[in-house]
């Protein structure tokens, strides 16, 4: 069990817990959602080479990657100045286009963004 901690409720958490009426219900909702999210992350993603991960990390390096920016990863990969031996940006962009949104989120999350 982790100690109680204060967290800031930005718009996503406020929407997620809007129907909850007490602290235990809010805590339960957040923990159930986090558990499900972590399970999704375990089973999603793409098998990428190191150079492909490096390219995506370069594209995401500005920090927080919003959902719309995740959807635009193929476009950004095509435009990036990042170059590395063994990287085919067009092939990577096509793989990203074919991936589900869940797989793209998992890629970004696993890279730490």
Protein backbone atom coordinates (compact mmCIF):
# COMPACT_ATOMS: atom_id res chain seq x y z
CA UNK A 1 0.00 0.00 0.00
CA UNK A 2 1.30 3.43 -0.91
CA UNK A 3 0.91 6.39 1.41
CA UNK A 4 -1.78 8.92 0.76
CA UNK A 5 -0.60 11.66 -1.52
CA UNK A 6 -2.04 14.80 -2.95
CA UNK A 7 -2.49 14.97 -6.71
CA UNK A 8 -3.58 17.74 -9.01
CA UNK A 9 -6.81 17.01 -10.85
CA UNK A 10 -6.38 18.40 -14.34
CA UNK A 11 -9.23 18.17 -16.85
CA UNK A 12 -8.71 14.45 -17.70
CA UNK A 13 -8.90 13.32 -14.06
CA UNK A 14 -11.77 15.67 -13.35
CA UNK A 15 -13.73 14.14 -16.23
CA UNK A 16 -12.78 10.61 -15.23
CA UNK A 17 -14.02 11.07 -11.66
CA UNK A 18 -16.91 13.47 -12.25
CA UNK A 19 -19.54 10.92 -11.18
CA UNK A 20 -17.72 9.93 -7.98
CA UNK A 21 -19.06 11.38 -4.75
CA UNK A 22 -16.40 10.67 -2.13
CA UNK A 23 -12.67 10.26 -1.69
CA UNK A 24 -12.72 6.44 -1.63
CA UNK A 25 -14.82 6.30 -4.80
CA UNK A 26 -12.44 8.73 -6.54
CA UNK A 27 -9.39 6.77 -5.39
CA UNK A 28 -10.98 3.51 -6.54
CA UNK A 29 -11.81 4.93 -9.97
CA UNK A 30 -8.27 6.24 -10.49
CA UNK A 31 -6.68 2.97 -9.35
CA UNK A 32 -8.96 0.78 -11.51
CA UNK A 33 -8.26 2.98 -14.51
CA UNK A 34 -4.50 2.91 -13.87
CA UNK A 35 -4.52 -0.88 -13.48
CA UNK A 36 -6.37 -1.32 -16.78
CA UNK A 37 -4.11 1.19 -18.50
CA UNK A 38 -0.98 -0.62 -17.30
CA UNK A 39 -2.37 -3.91 -18.59
CA UNK A 40 -3.07 -2.34 -21.99
CA UNK A 41 0.49 -0.98 -22.08
CA UNK A 42 1.87 -4.48 -21.39
CA UNK A 43 0.14 -5.90 -24.45
CA UNK A 44 0.40 -3.05 -26.96
CA UNK A 45 3.14 -1.34 -28.90
CA UNK A 46 5.27 -2.00 -31.95
CA UNK A 47 8.41 -4.05 -32.39
CA UNK A 48 10.85 -1.29 -33.32
CA UNK A 49 14.57 -1.30 -33.96
CA UNK A 50 16.77 0.89 -31.81
CA UNK A 51 17.23 3.38 -34.65
CA UNK A 52 13.43 3.59 -35.12
CA UNK A 53 12.98 4.21 -31.38
CA UNK A 54 15.71 6.85 -31.57
CA UNK A 55 13.89 8.58 -34.43
CA UNK A 56 10.57 8.64 -32.58
CA UNK A 57 12.28 9.84 -29.40
CA UNK A 58 13.88 12.65 -31.42
CA UNK A 59 10.45 13.64 -32.76
CA UNK A 60 8.93 13.55 -29.25
CA UNK A 61 11.86 15.21 -27.49
CA UNK A 62 10.00 18.44 -26.77
CA UNK A 63 8.30 16.71 -23.83
CA UNK A 64 4.62 16.01 -23.29
CA UNK A 65 3.03 14.41 -26.34
CA UNK A 66 -0.69 15.15 -26.59
CA UNK A 67 -3.10 12.64 -28.16
CA UNK A 68 -3.30 14.62 -31.40
CA UNK A 69 0.49 14.72 -31.61
CA UNK A 70 0.58 10.94 -31.16
CA UNK A 71 -1.78 10.61 -34.12
CA UNK A 72 0.57 12.82 -36.16
CA UNK A 73 3.70 10.71 -35.52
CA UNK A 74 3.83 9.31 -39.08
CA UNK A 75 3.71 12.83 -40.51
CA UNK A 76 6.37 14.05 -38.07
CA UNK A 77 8.65 11.09 -38.82
CA UNK A 78 8.53 11.95 -42.51
CA UNK A 79 9.45 15.59 -41.79
CA UNK A 80 12.11 15.12 -39.15
CA UNK A 81 15.71 16.03 -39.83
CA UNK A 82 16.80 12.99 -37.80
CA UNK A 83 18.98 10.66 -39.84
CA UNK A 84 20.74 7.47 -38.84
CA UNK A 85 22.26 4.52 -40.60
CA UNK A 86 19.65 1.84 -41.18
CA UNK A 87 16.67 4.17 -40.77
CA UNK A 88 14.06 4.27 -43.51
CA UNK A 89 11.72 7.04 -42.39
CA UNK A 90 9.11 6.25 -45.03
CA UNK A 91 8.87 2.61 -43.95
CA UNK A 92 8.67 3.67 -40.29
CA UNK A 93 5.98 6.24 -41.11
CA UNK A 94 3.96 3.58 -42.94
CA UNK A 95 4.24 1.23 -39.97
CA UNK A 96 3.06 4.01 -37.67
CA UNK A 97 0.13 4.78 -39.98
CA UNK A 98 -0.92 1.12 -39.94
CA UNK A 99 -0.73 0.91 -36.13
CA UNK A 100 -3.69 1.43 -33.83
CA UNK A 101 -3.84 4.49 -31.61
CA UNK A 102 -3.32 2.20 -28.62
CA UNK A 103 -0.09 0.88 -30.14
CA UNK A 104 1.12 4.43 -30.80
CA UNK A 105 0.37 5.44 -27.21
CA UNK A 106 2.28 2.41 -25.96
CA UNK A 107 5.28 3.33 -28.11
CA UNK A 108 5.32 6.89 -26.78
CA UNK A 109 4.83 5.74 -23.19
CA UNK A 110 7.60 3.14 -23.40
CA UNK A 111 9.95 5.85 -24.68
CA UNK A 112 9.11 7.92 -21.59
CA UNK A 113 6.98 10.61 -23.15
